[in-house]
Amino acid sequence: MMVPQNFNRRHSPNRRKTRVDATILLDGRYHAVTIRDVSFEGMKLQVPCPIPPGSPITVHVLDQQIPAIVHWNKPPYAGIHMLERLDGQTLIALETAD
């Protein structure tokens, strides 16, 4: 099977735009970030500094700690893949929190 050249594996039909302030824990230090979009399995974060792909992080938002891995980085943004799928209530809360 041939993959179309315009294939974008970062695209998610369930991605929802938002603007929610959060904190990430990276290498033992906390950094303020903004969640710019969210889906059941990932987020796009606006970050203050580049984060290498493959870096483990924990997102602290809405009284939750969400473990994730940085999937891509294109300053000032980073895409993360969460290690556990978000539940529907948390997704809706993040979508409507802005």
PDB file of N, CA and C in Angstrom:
ATOM      1  N   MET A   1       0.848  -1.179   0.000  1.00  0.00           N
ATOM      2  CA  MET A   1       0.000   0.000   0.000  1.00  0.00           C
ATOM      3  C   MET A   1       0.890   1.238   0.000  1.00  0.00           C
ATOM      4  N   MET A   2       0.601   2.153  -0.872  1.00  0.00           N
ATOM      5  CA  MET A   2       1.394   3.373  -0.969  1.00  0.00           C
ATOM      6  C   MET A   2       0.766   4.479  -0.117  1.00  0.00           C
ATOM      7  N   VAL A   3       1.598   5.181   0.645  1.00  0.00           N
ATOM      8  CA  VAL A   3       1.131   6.273   1.494  1.00  0.00           C
ATOM      9  C   VAL A   3       1.176   7.554   0.683  1.00  0.00           C
ATOM     10  N   PRO A   4       0.080   8.341   0.642  1.00  0.00           N
ATOM     11  CA  PRO A   4       0.089   9.599  -0.103  1.00  0.00           C
ATOM     12  C   PRO A   4       1.188  10.531   0.408  1.00  0.00           C
ATOM     13  N   GLN A   5       1.764  11.323  -0.483  1.00  0.00           N
ATOM     14  CA  GLN A   5       2.849  12.215  -0.106  1.00  0.00           C
ATOM     15  C   GLN A   5       2.403  13.277   0.885  1.00  0.00           C
ATOM     16  N   ASN A   6       1.147  13.641   0.888  1.00  0.00           N
ATOM     17  CA  ASN A   6       0.673  14.673   1.808  1.00  0.00           C
ATOM     18  C   ASN A   6       0.211  14.085   3.142  1.00  0.00           C
ATOM     19  N   PHE A   7       0.553  12.826   3.395  1.00  0.00           N
ATOM     20  CA  PHE A   7       0.170  12.174   4.649  1.00  0.00           C
ATOM     21  C   PHE A   7       0.805  12.897   5.823  1.00  0.00           C
ATOM     22  N   ASN A   8       0.006  13.247   6.827  1.00  0.00           N
ATOM     23  CA  ASN A   8       0.500  13.925   8.020  1.00  0.00           C
ATOM     24  C   ASN A   8       0.115  13.080   9.214  1.00  0.00           C
ATOM     25  N   ARG A   9       1.072  12.377   9.790  1.00  0.00           N
ATOM     26  CA  ARG A   9       0.751  11.487  10.893  1.00  0.00           C
ATOM     27  C   ARG A   9       0.434  12.229  12.179  1.00  0.00           C
ATOM     28  N   ARG A  10       0.645  13.558  12.212  1.00  0.00           N
ATOM     29  CA  ARG A  10       0.276  14.337  13.398  1.00  0.00           C
ATOM     30  C   ARG A  10      -1.200  14.715  13.365  1.00  0.00           C
ATOM     31  N   HIS A  11      -1.859  14.530  12.232  1.00  0.00           N
ATOM     32  CA  HIS A  11      -3.263  14.912  12.119  1.00  0.00           C
ATOM     33  C   HIS A  11      -4.133  13.953  12.918  1.00  0.00           C
ATOM     34  N   SER A  12      -5.038  14.506  13.664  1.00  0.00           N
ATOM     35  CA  SER A  12      -5.999  13.703  14.407  1.00  0.00           C
ATOM     36  C   SER A  12      -7.383  14.301  14.191  1.00  0.00           C
ATOM     37  N   PRO A  13      -8.325  13.526  13.664  1.00  0.00           N
ATOM     38  CA  PRO A  13      -9.669  14.068  13.441  1.00  0.00           C
ATOM     39  C   PRO A  13     -10.361  14.439  14.743  1.00  0.00           C
ATOM     40  N   ASN A  14      -9.867  13.939  15.875  1.00  0.00           N
ATOM     41  CA  ASN A  14     -10.481  14.233  17.170  1.00  0.00           C
ATOM     42  C   ASN A  14      -9.777  15.361  17.905  1.00  0.00           C
ATOM     43  N   ARG A  15      -8.846  16.032  17.240  1.00  0.00           N
ATOM     44  CA  ARG A  15      -8.093  17.115  17.878  1.00  0.00           C
ATOM     45  C   ARG A  15      -9.020  18.308  18.092  1.00  0.00           C
ATOM     46  N   ARG A  16      -8.928  18.891  19.298  1.00  0.00           N
ATOM     47  CA  ARG A  16      -9.770  20.039  19.643  1.00  0.00           C
ATOM     48  C   ARG A  16      -8.876  21.201  20.055  1.00  0.00           C
ATOM     49  N   LYS A  17      -9.127  22.372  19.490  1.00  0.00           N
ATOM     50  CA  LYS A  17      -8.358  23.563  19.840  1.00  0.00           C
ATOM     51  C   LYS A  17      -8.754  24.033  21.231  1.00  0.00           C
ATOM     52  N   THR A  18      -7.779  24.538  21.952  1.00  0.00           N
ATOM     53  CA  THR A  18      -8.011  25.053  23.293  1.00  0.00           C
ATOM     54  C   THR A  18      -6.880  26.020  23.635  1.00  0.00           C
ATOM     55  N   ARG A  19      -6.956  26.612  24.779  1.00  0.00           N
ATOM     56  CA  ARG A  19      -5.881  27.475  25.288  1.00  0.00           C
ATOM     57  C   ARG A  19      -5.935  27.385  26.809  1.00  0.00           C
ATOM     58  N   VAL A  20      -5.175  26.434  27.353  1.00  0.00           N
ATOM     59  CA  VAL A  20      -5.209  26.146  28.778  1.00  0.00           C
ATOM     60  C   VAL A  20      -3.787  26.221  29.326  1.00  0.00           C
ATOM     61  N   ASP A  21      -3.602  27.009  30.380  1.00  0.00           N
ATOM     62  CA  ASP A  21      -2.304  27.070  31.038  1.00  0.00           C
ATOM     63  C   ASP A  21      -2.069  25.784  31.821  1.00  0.00           C
ATOM     64  N   ALA A  22      -0.835  25.292  31.755  1.00  0.00           N
ATOM     65  CA  ALA A  22      -0.468  24.061  32.453  1.00  0.00           C
ATOM     66  C   ALA A  22       1.001  24.154  32.848  1.00  0.00           C
ATOM     67  N   THR A  23       1.466  23.143  33.524  1.00  0.00           N
ATOM     68  CA  THR A  23       2.872  23.032  33.914  1.00  0.00           C
ATOM     69  C   THR A  23       3.354  21.667  33.482  1.00  0.00           C
ATOM     70  N   ILE A  24       4.596  21.596  33.010  1.00  0.00           N
ATOM     71  CA  ILE A  24       5.182  20.296  32.719  1.00  0.00           C
ATOM     72  C   ILE A  24       6.389  20.077  33.625  1.00  0.00           C
ATOM     73  N   LEU A  25       6.609  18.831  33.953  1.00  0.00           N
ATOM     74  CA  LEU A  25       7.807  18.428  34.690  1.00  0.00           C
ATOM     75  C   LEU A  25       8.728  17.771  33.674  1.00  0.00           C
ATOM     76  N   LEU A  26       9.905  18.369  33.489  1.00  0.00           N
ATOM     77  CA  LEU A  26      10.888  17.885  32.530  1.00  0.00           C
ATOM     78  C   LEU A  26      12.250  17.896  33.195  1.00  0.00           C
ATOM     79  N   ASP A  27      12.883  16.752  33.258  1.00  0.00           N
ATOM     80  CA  ASP A  27      14.215  16.639  33.868  1.00  0.00           C
ATOM     81  C   ASP A  27      14.272  17.234  35.279  1.00  0.00           C
ATOM     82  N   GLY A  28      13.218  17.010  36.070  1.00  0.00           N
ATOM     83  CA  GLY A  28      13.205  17.465  37.448  1.00  0.00           C
ATOM     84  C   GLY A  28      12.880  18.937  37.645  1.00  0.00           C
ATOM     85  N   ARG A  29      12.561  19.648  36.561  1.00  0.00           N
ATOM     86  CA  ARG A  29      12.226  21.073  36.658  1.00  0.00           C
ATOM     87  C   ARG A  29      10.835  21.316  36.079  1.00  0.00           C
ATOM     88  N   TYR A  30      10.133  22.276  36.682  1.00  0.00           N
ATOM     89  CA  TYR A  30       8.804  22.646  36.214  1.00  0.00           C
ATOM     90  C   TYR A  30       8.899  23.809  35.238  1.00  0.00           C
ATOM     91  N   HIS A  31       8.067  23.750  34.180  1.00  0.00           N
ATOM     92  CA  HIS A  31       8.017  24.804  33.169  1.00  0.00           C
ATOM     93  C   HIS A  31       6.554  25.135  32.878  1.00  0.00           C
ATOM     94  N   ALA A  32       6.246  26.421  32.776  1.00  0.00           N
ATOM     95  CA  ALA A  32       4.893  26.844  32.406  1.00  0.00           C
ATOM     96  C   ALA A  32       4.718  26.663  30.900  1.00  0.00           C
ATOM     97  N   VAL A  33       3.587  26.086  30.501  1.00  0.00           N
ATOM     98  CA  VAL A  33       3.261  25.867  29.093  1.00  0.00           C
ATOM     99  C   VAL A  33       1.800  26.240  28.865  1.00  0.00           C
ATOM    100  N   THR A  34       1.409  26.262  27.607  1.00  0.00           N
ATOM    101  CA  THR A  34       0.009  26.446  27.247  1.00  0.00           C
ATOM    102  C   THR A  34      -0.396  25.305  26.335  1.00  0.00           C
ATOM    103  N   ILE A  35      -1.485  24.620  26.677  1.00  0.00           N
ATOM    104  CA  ILE A  35      -2.014  23.561  25.819  1.00  0.00           C
ATOM    105  C   ILE A  35      -2.803  24.249  24.711  1.00  0.00           C
ATOM    106  N   ARG A  36      -2.415  24.024  23.445  1.00  0.00           N
ATOM    107  CA  ARG A  36      -3.048  24.686  22.299  1.00  0.00           C
ATOM    108  C   ARG A  36      -4.058  23.799  21.596  1.00  0.00           C
ATOM    109  N   ASP A  37      -3.866  22.489  21.629  1.00  0.00           N
ATOM    110  CA  ASP A  37      -4.912  21.572  21.182  1.00  0.00           C
ATOM    111  C   ASP A  37      -4.739  20.246  21.904  1.00  0.00           C
ATOM    112  N   VAL A  38      -5.814  19.480  21.907  1.00  0.00           N
ATOM    113  CA  VAL A  38      -5.832  18.244  22.682  1.00  0.00           C
ATOM    114  C   VAL A  38      -6.688  17.208  21.961  1.00  0.00           C
ATOM    115  N   SER A  39      -6.288  15.961  22.068  1.00  0.00           N
ATOM    116  CA  SER A  39      -7.093  14.840  21.600  1.00  0.00           C
ATOM    117  C   SER A  39      -7.026  13.765  22.684  1.00  0.00           C
ATOM    118  N   PHE A  40      -7.650  12.636  22.433  1.00  0.00           N
ATOM    119  CA  PHE A  40      -7.630  11.575  23.437  1.00  0.00           C
ATOM    120  C   PHE A  40      -6.220  11.072  23.717  1.00  0.00           C
ATOM    121  N   GLU A  41      -5.311  11.174  22.734  1.00  0.00           N
ATOM    122  CA  GLU A  41      -3.991  10.569  22.884  1.00  0.00           C
ATOM    123  C   GLU A  41      -2.827  11.543  22.825  1.00  0.00           C
ATOM    124  N   GLY A  42      -3.088  12.830  22.552  1.00  0.00           N
ATOM    125  CA  GLY A  42      -1.977  13.755  22.429  1.00  0.00           C
ATOM    126  C   GLY A  42      -2.361  15.200  22.662  1.00  0.00           C
ATOM    127  N   MET A  43      -1.326  16.040  22.716  1.00  0.00           N
ATOM    128  CA  MET A  43      -1.517  17.479  22.904  1.00  0.00           C
ATOM    129  C   MET A  43      -0.470  18.238  22.105  1.00  0.00           C
ATOM    130  N   LYS A  44      -0.827  19.445  21.733  1.00  0.00           N
ATOM    131  CA  LYS A  44       0.135  20.391  21.188  1.00  0.00           C
ATOM    132  C   LYS A  44       0.351  21.429  22.272  1.00  0.00           C
ATOM    133  N   LEU A  45       1.622  21.590  22.678  1.00  0.00           N
ATOM    134  CA  LEU A  45       1.952  22.524  23.744  1.00  0.00           C
ATOM    135  C   LEU A  45       2.733  23.704  23.188  1.00  0.00           C
ATOM    136  N   GLN A  46       2.458  24.878  23.704  1.00  0.00           N
ATOM    137  CA  GLN A  46       3.306  26.033  23.459  1.00  0.00           C
ATOM    138  C   GLN A  46       4.310  26.041  24.604  1.00  0.00           C
ATOM    139  N   VAL A  47       5.594  25.915  24.258  1.00  0.00           N
ATOM    140  CA  VAL A  47       6.635  25.709  25.271  1.00  0.00           C
ATOM    141  C   VAL A  47       7.644  26.856  25.264  1.00  0.00           C
ATOM    142  N   PRO A  48       8.284  27.131  26.408  1.00  0.00           N
ATOM    143  CA  PRO A  48       9.236  28.236  26.501  1.00  0.00           C
ATOM    144  C   PRO A  48      10.609  27.923  25.907  1.00  0.00           C
ATOM    145  N   CYS A  49      10.912  26.631  25.721  1.00  0.00           N
ATOM    146  CA  CYS A  49      12.220  26.242  25.187  1.00  0.00           C
ATOM    147  C   CYS A  49      12.049  24.942  24.398  1.00  0.00           C
ATOM    148  N   PRO A  50      12.956  24.660  23.473  1.00  0.00           N
ATOM    149  CA  PRO A  50      12.855  23.400  22.723  1.00  0.00           C
ATOM    150  C   PRO A  50      12.968  22.188  23.641  1.00  0.00           C
ATOM    151  N   ILE A  51      12.185  21.161  23.339  1.00  0.00           N
ATOM    152  CA  ILE A  51      12.232  19.912  24.096  1.00  0.00           C
ATOM    153  C   ILE A  51      12.528  18.797  23.097  1.00  0.00           C
ATOM    154  N   PRO A  52      13.618  18.079  23.287  1.00  0.00           N
ATOM    155  CA  PRO A  52      13.973  17.030  22.325  1.00  0.00           C
ATOM    156  C   PRO A  52      12.910  15.937  22.232  1.00  0.00           C
ATOM    157  N   PRO A  53      12.577  15.499  21.010  1.00  0.00           N
ATOM    158  CA  PRO A  53      11.673  14.361  20.856  1.00  0.00           C
ATOM    159  C   PRO A  53      12.217  13.151  21.620  1.00  0.00           C
ATOM    160  N   GLY A  54      11.298  12.409  22.230  1.00  0.00           N
ATOM    161  CA  GLY A  54      11.666  11.253  23.038  1.00  0.00           C
ATOM    162  C   GLY A  54      11.777  11.564  24.513  1.00  0.00           C
ATOM    163  N   SER A  55      11.744  12.854  24.862  1.00  0.00           N
ATOM    164  CA  SER A  55      11.847  13.249  26.272  1.00  0.00           C
ATOM    165  C   SER A  55      10.577  12.876  27.032  1.00  0.00           C
ATOM    166  N   PRO A  56      10.703  12.217  28.179  1.00  0.00           N
ATOM    167  CA  PRO A  56       9.530  11.952  29.012  1.00  0.00           C
ATOM    168  C   PRO A  56       9.175  13.214  29.802  1.00  0.00           C
ATOM    169  N   ILE A  57       7.886  13.531  29.861  1.00  0.00           N
ATOM    170  CA  ILE A  57       7.403  14.675  30.638  1.00  0.00           C
ATOM    171  C   ILE A  57       6.147  14.264  31.384  1.00  0.00           C
ATOM    172  N   THR A  58       5.766  15.090  32.346  1.00  0.00           N
ATOM    173  CA  THR A  58       4.476  14.939  33.018  1.00  0.00           C
ATOM    174  C   THR A  58       3.772  16.282  32.926  1.00  0.00           C
ATOM    175  N   VAL A  59       2.542  16.271  32.396  1.00  0.00           N
ATOM    176  CA  VAL A  59       1.737  17.478  32.281  1.00  0.00           C
ATOM    177  C   VAL A  59       0.868  17.585  33.523  1.00  0.00           C
ATOM    178  N   HIS A  60       0.944  18.720  34.204  1.00  0.00           N
ATOM    179  CA  HIS A  60       0.116  18.993  35.379  1.00  0.00           C
ATOM    180  C   HIS A  60      -0.946  19.995  34.969  1.00  0.00           C
ATOM    181  N   VAL A  61      -2.204  19.537  34.954  1.00  0.00           N
ATOM    182  CA  VAL A  61      -3.316  20.396  34.550  1.00  0.00           C
ATOM    183  C   VAL A  61      -4.605  19.854  35.171  1.00  0.00           C
ATOM    184  N   LEU A  62      -5.475  20.769  35.563  1.00  0.00           N
ATOM    185  CA  LEU A  62      -6.780  20.400  36.138  1.00  0.00           C
ATOM    186  C   LEU A  62      -6.647  19.354  37.247  1.00  0.00           C
ATOM    187  N   ASP A  63      -5.694  19.556  38.142  1.00  0.00           N
ATOM    188  CA  ASP A  63      -5.456  18.644  39.263  1.00  0.00           C
ATOM    189  C   ASP A  63      -5.122  17.221  38.822  1.00  0.00           C
ATOM    190  N   GLN A  64      -4.565  17.079  37.623  1.00  0.00           N
ATOM    191  CA  GLN A  64      -4.167  15.774  37.123  1.00  0.00           C
ATOM    192  C   GLN A  64      -2.694  15.795  36.745  1.00  0.00           C
ATOM    193  N   GLN A  65      -2.086  14.634  36.776  1.00  0.00           N
ATOM    194  CA  GLN A  65      -0.720  14.449  36.311  1.00  0.00           C
ATOM    195  C   GLN A  65      -0.781  13.458  35.158  1.00  0.00           C
ATOM    196  N   ILE A  66      -0.388  13.930  33.970  1.00  0.00           N
ATOM    197  CA  ILE A  66      -0.525  13.130  32.758  1.00  0.00           C
ATOM    198  C   ILE A  66       0.869  12.813  32.211  1.00  0.00           C
ATOM    199  N   PRO A  67       1.325  11.559  32.324  1.00  0.00           N
ATOM    200  CA  PRO A  67       2.628  11.197  31.779  1.00  0.00           C
ATOM    201  C   PRO A  67       2.576  11.140  30.257  1.00  0.00           C
ATOM    202  N   ALA A  68       3.653  11.606  29.620  1.00  0.00           N
ATOM    203  CA  ALA A  68       3.680  11.673  28.162  1.00  0.00           C
ATOM    204  C   ALA A  68       5.119  11.630  27.649  1.00  0.00           C
ATOM    205  N   ILE A  69       5.244  11.469  26.345  1.00  0.00           N
ATOM    206  CA  ILE A  69       6.525  11.493  25.646  1.00  0.00           C
ATOM    207  C   ILE A  69       6.431  12.578  24.565  1.00  0.00           C
ATOM    208  N   VAL A  70       7.479  13.387  24.442  1.00  0.00           N
ATOM    209  CA  VAL A  70       7.504  14.396  23.383  1.00  0.00           C
ATOM    210  C   VAL A  70       7.689  13.666  22.056  1.00  0.00           C
ATOM    211  N   HIS A  71       6.780  13.937  21.126  1.00  0.00           N
ATOM    212  CA  HIS A  71       6.775  13.266  19.827  1.00  0.00           C
ATOM    213  C   HIS A  71       7.472  14.115  18.766  1.00  0.00           C
ATOM    214  N   TRP A  72       7.239  15.422  18.804  1.00  0.00           N
ATOM    215  CA  TRP A  72       7.870  16.336  17.849  1.00  0.00           C
ATOM    216  C   TRP A  72       8.073  17.692  18.500  1.00  0.00           C
ATOM    217  N   ASN A  73       8.976  18.478  17.921  1.00  0.00           N
ATOM    218  CA  ASN A  73       9.274  19.804  18.445  1.00  0.00           C
ATOM    219  C   ASN A  73       9.523  20.746  17.273  1.00  0.00           C
ATOM    220  N   LYS A  74       8.776  21.827  17.244  1.00  0.00           N
ATOM    221  CA  LYS A  74       8.953  22.875  16.245  1.00  0.00           C
ATOM    222  C   LYS A  74       8.680  24.185  16.978  1.00  0.00           C
ATOM    223  N   PRO A  75       9.751  24.791  17.577  1.00  0.00           N
ATOM    224  CA  PRO A  75       9.574  25.964  18.437  1.00  0.00           C
ATOM    225  C   PRO A  75       8.652  27.015  17.820  1.00  0.00           C
ATOM    226  N   PRO A  76       7.749  27.562  18.632  1.00  0.00           N
ATOM    227  CA  PRO A  76       7.609  27.413  20.078  1.00  0.00           C
ATOM    228  C   PRO A  76       6.630  26.311  20.491  1.00  0.00           C
ATOM    229  N   TYR A  77       6.462  25.294  19.657  1.00  0.00           N
ATOM    230  CA  TYR A  77       5.487  24.241  19.951  1.00  0.00           C
ATOM    231  C   TYR A  77       6.159  22.877  20.077  1.00  0.00           C
ATOM    232  N   ALA A  78       5.498  21.997  20.794  1.00  0.00           N
ATOM    233  CA  ALA A  78       5.916  20.599  20.906  1.00  0.00           C
ATOM    234  C   ALA A  78       4.659  19.742  20.916  1.00  0.00           C
ATOM    235  N   GLY A  79       4.732  18.609  20.245  1.00  0.00           N
ATOM    236  CA  GLY A  79       3.632  17.651  20.243  1.00  0.00           C
ATOM    237  C   GLY A  79       3.971  16.502  21.161  1.00  0.00           C
ATOM    238  N   ILE A  80       3.005  16.119  21.982  1.00  0.00           N
ATOM    239  CA  ILE A  80       3.252  15.025  22.919  1.00  0.00           C
ATOM    240  C   ILE A  80       2.248  13.907  22.705  1.00  0.00           C
ATOM    241  N   HIS A  81       2.688  12.714  23.035  1.00  0.00           N
ATOM    242  CA  HIS A  81       1.830  11.529  23.019  1.00  0.00           C
ATOM    243  C   HIS A  81       1.685  11.074  24.464  1.00  0.00           C
ATOM    244  N   MET A  82       0.455  11.035  24.938  1.00  0.00           N
ATOM    245  CA  MET A  82       0.211  10.641  26.328  1.00  0.00           C
ATOM    246  C   MET A  82       0.313   9.129  26.478  1.00  0.00           C
ATOM    247  N   LEU A  83       0.865   8.689  27.589  1.00  0.00           N
ATOM    248  CA  LEU A  83       1.054   7.267  27.810  1.00  0.00           C
ATOM    249  C   LEU A  83      -0.255   6.543  28.101  1.00  0.00           C
ATOM    250  N   GLU A  84      -1.261   7.282  28.548  1.00  0.00           N
ATOM    251  CA  GLU A  84      -2.602   6.717  28.749  1.00  0.00           C
ATOM    252  C   GLU A  84      -3.609   7.630  28.081  1.00  0.00           C
ATOM    253  N   ARG A  85      -4.573   7.038  27.430  1.00  0.00           N
ATOM    254  CA  ARG A  85      -5.615   7.786  26.729  1.00  0.00           C
ATOM    255  C   ARG A  85      -6.444   8.597  27.738  1.00  0.00           C
ATOM    256  N   LEU A  86      -6.736   9.873  27.378  1.00  0.00           N
ATOM    257  CA  LEU A  86      -7.582  10.709  28.249  1.00  0.00           C
ATOM    258  C   LEU A  86      -9.005  10.181  28.272  1.00  0.00           C
ATOM    259  N   ASP A  87      -9.662  10.323  29.408  1.00  0.00           N
ATOM    260  CA  ASP A  87     -11.077   9.977  29.458  1.00  0.00           C
ATOM    261  C   ASP A  87     -11.886  11.142  28.884  1.00  0.00           C
ATOM    262  N   GLY A  88     -13.101  10.890  28.505  1.00  0.00           N
ATOM    263  CA  GLY A  88     -13.950  11.883  27.856  1.00  0.00           C
ATOM    264  C   GLY A  88     -14.194  13.125  28.694  1.00  0.00           C
ATOM    265  N   GLN A  89     -14.368  12.966  29.996  1.00  0.00           N
ATOM    266  CA  GLN A  89     -14.625  14.117  30.867  1.00  0.00           C
ATOM    267  C   GLN A  89     -13.430  15.050  30.918  1.00  0.00           C
ATOM    268  N   THR A  90     -12.230  14.502  30.977  1.00  0.00           N
ATOM    269  CA  THR A  90     -11.024  15.337  31.014  1.00  0.00           C
ATOM    270  C   THR A  90     -10.850  16.053  29.673  1.00  0.00           C
ATOM    271  N   LEU A  91     -11.098  15.344  28.583  1.00  0.00           N
ATOM    272  CA  LEU A  91     -10.984  15.966  27.260  1.00  0.00           C
ATOM    273  C   LEU A  91     -11.941  17.150  27.138  1.00  0.00           C
ATOM    274  N   ILE A  92     -13.170  16.975  27.550  1.00  0.00           N
ATOM    275  CA  ILE A  92     -14.155  18.056  27.487  1.00  0.00           C
ATOM    276  C   ILE A  92     -13.747  19.205  28.402  1.00  0.00           C
ATOM    277  N   ALA A  93     -13.244  18.902  29.599  1.00  0.00           N
ATOM    278  CA  ALA A  93     -12.804  19.932  30.530  1.00  0.00           C
ATOM    279  C   ALA A  93     -11.670  20.751  29.922  1.00  0.00           C
ATOM    280  N   LEU A  94     -10.718  20.099  29.265  1.00  0.00           N
ATOM    281  CA  LEU A  94      -9.616  20.818  28.632  1.00  0.00           C
ATOM    282  C   LEU A  94     -10.094  21.636  27.431  1.00  0.00           C
ATOM    283  N   GLU A  95     -11.032  21.087  26.701  1.00  0.00           N
ATOM    284  CA  GLU A  95     -11.559  21.783  25.530  1.00  0.00           C
ATOM    285  C   GLU A  95     -12.311  23.054  25.926  1.00  0.00           C
ATOM    286  N   THR A  96     -12.996  23.025  27.040  1.00  0.00           N
ATOM    287  CA  THR A  96     -13.838  24.154  27.431  1.00  0.00           C
ATOM    288  C   THR A  96     -13.195  25.050  28.493  1.00  0.00           C
ATOM    289  N   ALA A  97     -11.979  24.726  28.916  1.00  0.00           N
ATOM    290  CA  ALA A  97     -11.337  25.477  30.000  1.00  0.00           C
ATOM    291  C   ALA A  97     -10.833  26.853  29.572  1.00  0.00           C
ATOM    292  N   ASP A  98     -10.673  27.074  28.281  1.00  0.00           N
ATOM    293  CA  ASP A  98     -10.144  28.385  27.856  1.00  0.00           C
ATOM    294  C   ASP A  98     -11.218  29.378  28.023  1.00  0.00           C
TER     295      ASP A  98
END
